[in-house]
Protein backbone atom coordinates (compact mmCIF):
# COMPACT_ATOMS: atom_id res chain seq x y z
CA MET A 1 -32.46 -22.22 7.10
CA ARG A 2 -28.59 -21.60 8.32
CA SER A 3 -26.93 -18.66 6.88
CA ASP A 4 -24.37 -20.71 4.86
CA LEU A 5 -27.01 -23.00 3.22
CA GLU A 6 -29.06 -19.71 2.51
CA ARG A 7 -26.17 -18.04 0.74
CA GLU A 8 -25.54 -21.20 -1.44
CA TYR A 9 -29.02 -20.99 -2.52
CA VAL A 10 -29.14 -17.40 -3.41
CA ASP A 11 -25.86 -17.92 -5.30
CA TYR A 12 -27.31 -20.87 -7.23
CA VAL A 13 -30.70 -18.89 -7.94
CA ALA A 14 -28.83 -15.83 -9.05
CA GLY A 15 -26.67 -17.80 -11.37
CA ARG A 16 -29.70 -19.45 -12.92
CA LEU A 17 -32.50 -17.24 -12.82
CA SER A 18 -32.42 -15.93 -16.44
CA ARG A 19 -32.05 -19.44 -17.79
CA LEU A 20 -34.92 -20.67 -15.83
CA HIS A 21 -36.98 -17.83 -16.85
CA ARG A 22 -36.15 -18.36 -20.66
CA ALA A 23 -37.03 -22.27 -20.10
CA ALA A 24 -40.33 -21.19 -18.60
CA TYR A 25 -41.01 -18.55 -21.26
CA PHE A 26 -40.37 -21.13 -24.07
CA LEU A 27 -42.72 -23.57 -22.23
CA CYS A 28 -45.68 -21.32 -21.93
CA GLY A 29 -45.04 -18.60 -24.46
CA ASP A 30 -46.00 -15.82 -21.88
CA ARG A 31 -43.52 -13.68 -19.87
CA TYR A 32 -45.90 -12.92 -16.85
CA ARG A 33 -46.89 -16.74 -16.57
CA ALA A 34 -43.29 -17.65 -16.92
CA ASP A 35 -42.37 -15.17 -13.89
CA ASP A 36 -45.17 -17.15 -11.95
CA ILE A 37 -43.73 -20.57 -12.85
CA VAL A 38 -40.12 -19.37 -12.09
CA GLN A 39 -41.26 -17.77 -8.69
CA SER A 40 -43.35 -21.07 -7.92
CA THR A 41 -40.04 -23.17 -8.72
CA VAL A 42 -37.37 -21.17 -6.66
CA THR A 43 -40.02 -21.21 -3.85
CA SER A 44 -40.33 -24.98 -3.94
CA LEU A 45 -36.55 -25.23 -4.43
CA TYR A 46 -35.87 -22.99 -1.24
CA LEU A 47 -38.16 -25.35 0.81
CA SER A 48 -36.39 -28.37 -0.09
CA TRP A 49 -32.88 -26.99 -0.59
CA LYS A 50 -31.35 -29.21 1.98
CA LYS A 51 -32.42 -32.20 0.05
CA ALA A 52 -31.90 -30.45 -3.24
CA VAL A 53 -28.14 -29.98 -2.71
CA ARG A 54 -27.81 -33.48 -2.17
CA ALA A 55 -28.86 -34.32 -5.68
CA ASP A 56 -26.50 -35.83 -8.24
CA ASN A 57 -27.40 -33.13 -10.74
CA LEU A 58 -28.92 -30.09 -9.35
CA ASP A 59 -29.62 -28.42 -12.54
CA ALA A 60 -31.64 -31.34 -13.70
CA TYR A 61 -33.55 -31.55 -10.23
CA VAL A 62 -34.47 -27.81 -10.52
CA HIS A 63 -35.63 -28.16 -14.34
CA ARG A 64 -37.98 -31.12 -13.15
CA ILE A 65 -39.43 -28.96 -10.72
CA LEU A 66 -40.03 -26.11 -13.43
CA VAL A 67 -41.44 -28.45 -15.72
CA ARG A 68 -43.85 -29.74 -12.94
CA ARG A 69 -44.76 -26.39 -12.00
CA TYR A 70 -45.57 -25.46 -15.84
CA LEU A 71 -47.69 -28.49 -15.97
CA ASP A 72 -49.41 -27.69 -12.76
CA GLU A 73 -50.06 -24.24 -13.75
CA ARG A 74 -51.51 -25.50 -17.08
CA ARG A 75 -54.14 -27.92 -15.25
CA ARG A 76 -55.58 -24.93 -13.32
CA ARG A 77 -58.81 -23.70 -14.49
CA TRP A 78 -58.02 -20.01 -14.42
CA SER A 79 -55.05 -20.69 -17.04
CA ARG A 80 -57.73 -21.11 -19.94
CA VAL A 81 -59.73 -17.85 -18.80
CA LEU A 82 -59.63 -15.39 -21.52
CA LEU A 83 -60.58 -11.88 -19.97
CA GLY A 84 -61.79 -10.06 -23.14
CA GLU A 85 -63.77 -11.39 -26.06
CA HIS A 86 -60.64 -11.03 -28.41
CA VAL A 87 -57.03 -11.12 -27.99
CA PRO A 88 -55.96 -7.56 -28.65
CA ASP A 89 -53.84 -6.94 -31.87
CA ARG A 90 -50.21 -6.72 -31.33
CA PRO A 91 -48.26 -3.94 -33.17
CA ALA A 92 -46.21 -5.46 -36.06
CA PRO A 93 -42.71 -6.46 -34.99
CA SER A 94 -39.70 -4.52 -36.13
CA GLY A 95 -36.64 -6.26 -37.00
CA ASN A 96 -35.77 -9.71 -38.13
CA GLY A 97 -34.95 -10.86 -34.90
CA VAL A 98 -38.48 -10.34 -33.34
CA GLU A 99 -40.09 -11.83 -36.21
CA VAL A 100 -38.05 -14.89 -35.91
CA ARG A 101 -38.53 -15.34 -32.30
CA ASP A 102 -42.45 -14.91 -32.45
CA GLU A 103 -42.43 -17.52 -35.27
CA LEU A 104 -40.52 -19.85 -33.20
CA ILE A 105 -42.57 -19.31 -30.19
CA THR A 106 -45.57 -19.90 -32.17
CA ALA A 107 -44.32 -23.01 -33.74
CA LEU A 108 -43.33 -24.34 -30.43
CA ARG A 109 -46.88 -23.75 -29.26
CA THR A 110 -48.21 -26.08 -32.01
CA LEU A 111 -46.13 -28.91 -30.66
CA PRO A 112 -47.34 -31.62 -28.21
CA LYS A 113 -46.38 -30.86 -24.51
CA GLY A 114 -43.80 -33.67 -24.37
CA GLN A 115 -41.83 -32.52 -27.68
CA ARG A 116 -42.11 -28.94 -26.82
CA THR A 117 -40.78 -29.60 -23.27
CA VAL A 118 -37.79 -31.98 -24.59
CA LEU A 119 -36.80 -29.20 -27.12
CA VAL A 120 -36.84 -26.30 -24.53
CA LEU A 121 -34.73 -28.20 -22.10
CA ARG A 122 -32.28 -29.48 -24.82
CA TYR A 123 -31.92 -26.48 -26.87
CA PHE A 124 -32.85 -23.50 -24.85
CA SER A 125 -31.68 -24.63 -21.43
CA ASP A 126 -28.77 -26.21 -22.84
CA LEU A 127 -29.19 -29.75 -21.01
CA SER A 128 -27.85 -32.92 -22.20
CA VAL A 129 -29.86 -35.73 -23.36
CA GLU A 130 -29.13 -37.56 -19.95
CA ASP A 131 -30.12 -34.55 -17.87
CA THR A 132 -33.15 -33.80 -19.92
CA ALA A 133 -34.17 -37.62 -19.30
CA GLU A 134 -33.42 -37.15 -15.58
CA ALA A 135 -35.28 -33.96 -15.29
CA LEU A 136 -38.49 -35.42 -16.85
CA GLY A 137 -38.08 -38.82 -15.35
CA CYS A 138 -38.15 -40.66 -18.49
CA SER A 139 -35.59 -42.57 -20.41
CA VAL A 140 -32.66 -41.53 -22.67
CA GLY A 141 -34.43 -43.04 -25.65
CA ASN A 142 -37.68 -41.36 -24.89
CA VAL A 143 -35.80 -38.08 -25.03
CA LYS A 144 -33.96 -38.92 -28.28
CA SER A 145 -37.27 -39.78 -29.83
CA GLN A 146 -39.42 -36.83 -28.71
CA CYS A 147 -36.33 -34.75 -29.63
CA SER A 148 -36.48 -36.07 -33.21
CA ARG A 149 -40.32 -35.91 -33.66
CA GLY A 150 -40.13 -32.38 -32.24
CA LEU A 151 -37.54 -31.02 -34.47
CA THR A 152 -39.32 -32.60 -37.54
CA ALA A 153 -42.71 -30.94 -36.60
CA LEU A 154 -40.99 -27.87 -35.69
CA ARG A 155 -39.09 -27.54 -39.17
CA ALA A 156 -42.45 -28.28 -40.92
CA ALA A 157 -44.22 -25.51 -38.66
CA LEU A 158 -41.53 -23.07 -39.41
CA GLY A 159 -41.46 -23.98 -42.99
CA THR A 160 -45.08 -22.73 -43.32
CA PHE A 161 -44.16 -19.57 -41.81
CA GLU A 162 -41.53 -19.37 -44.48
CA GLU A 163 -44.20 -19.99 -47.28
CA ALA A 164 -46.46 -17.55 -45.84
CA ARG A 165 -44.02 -14.49 -46.08
């Protein structure tokens, strides 16, 4: 790749890496898997950078790659392997922010993949309805309906956490 294209790529990725990681984390709920998904995304982006820079909306293009890498990773058999008999106990979170975040991530995991993906792209990656539709390759109406259903389900799931307290 030419040095000017490579510099553009590095600048783009450096400016969006934390947002990409946050979106991947909210999709999969595991920071190590999120690292893998982001790494795969930026590698794919690097390989197709000449094509990507010509896209009308580069952020939507990259988020589409991210979502596809997440879905690809979920389909692999090793992603379902549990290395121990039981998941180890985690220490009790200290402070309200951590508890709320954990509850939110747990509630997000209860949603169907489509709803979870739409909510992550819309509210955690700050994409518009149109950009989310473009990233997912679906209609604006589909994004709106998935978002509405997802928010309703998320509120219900978070309400059960509140009742359990």
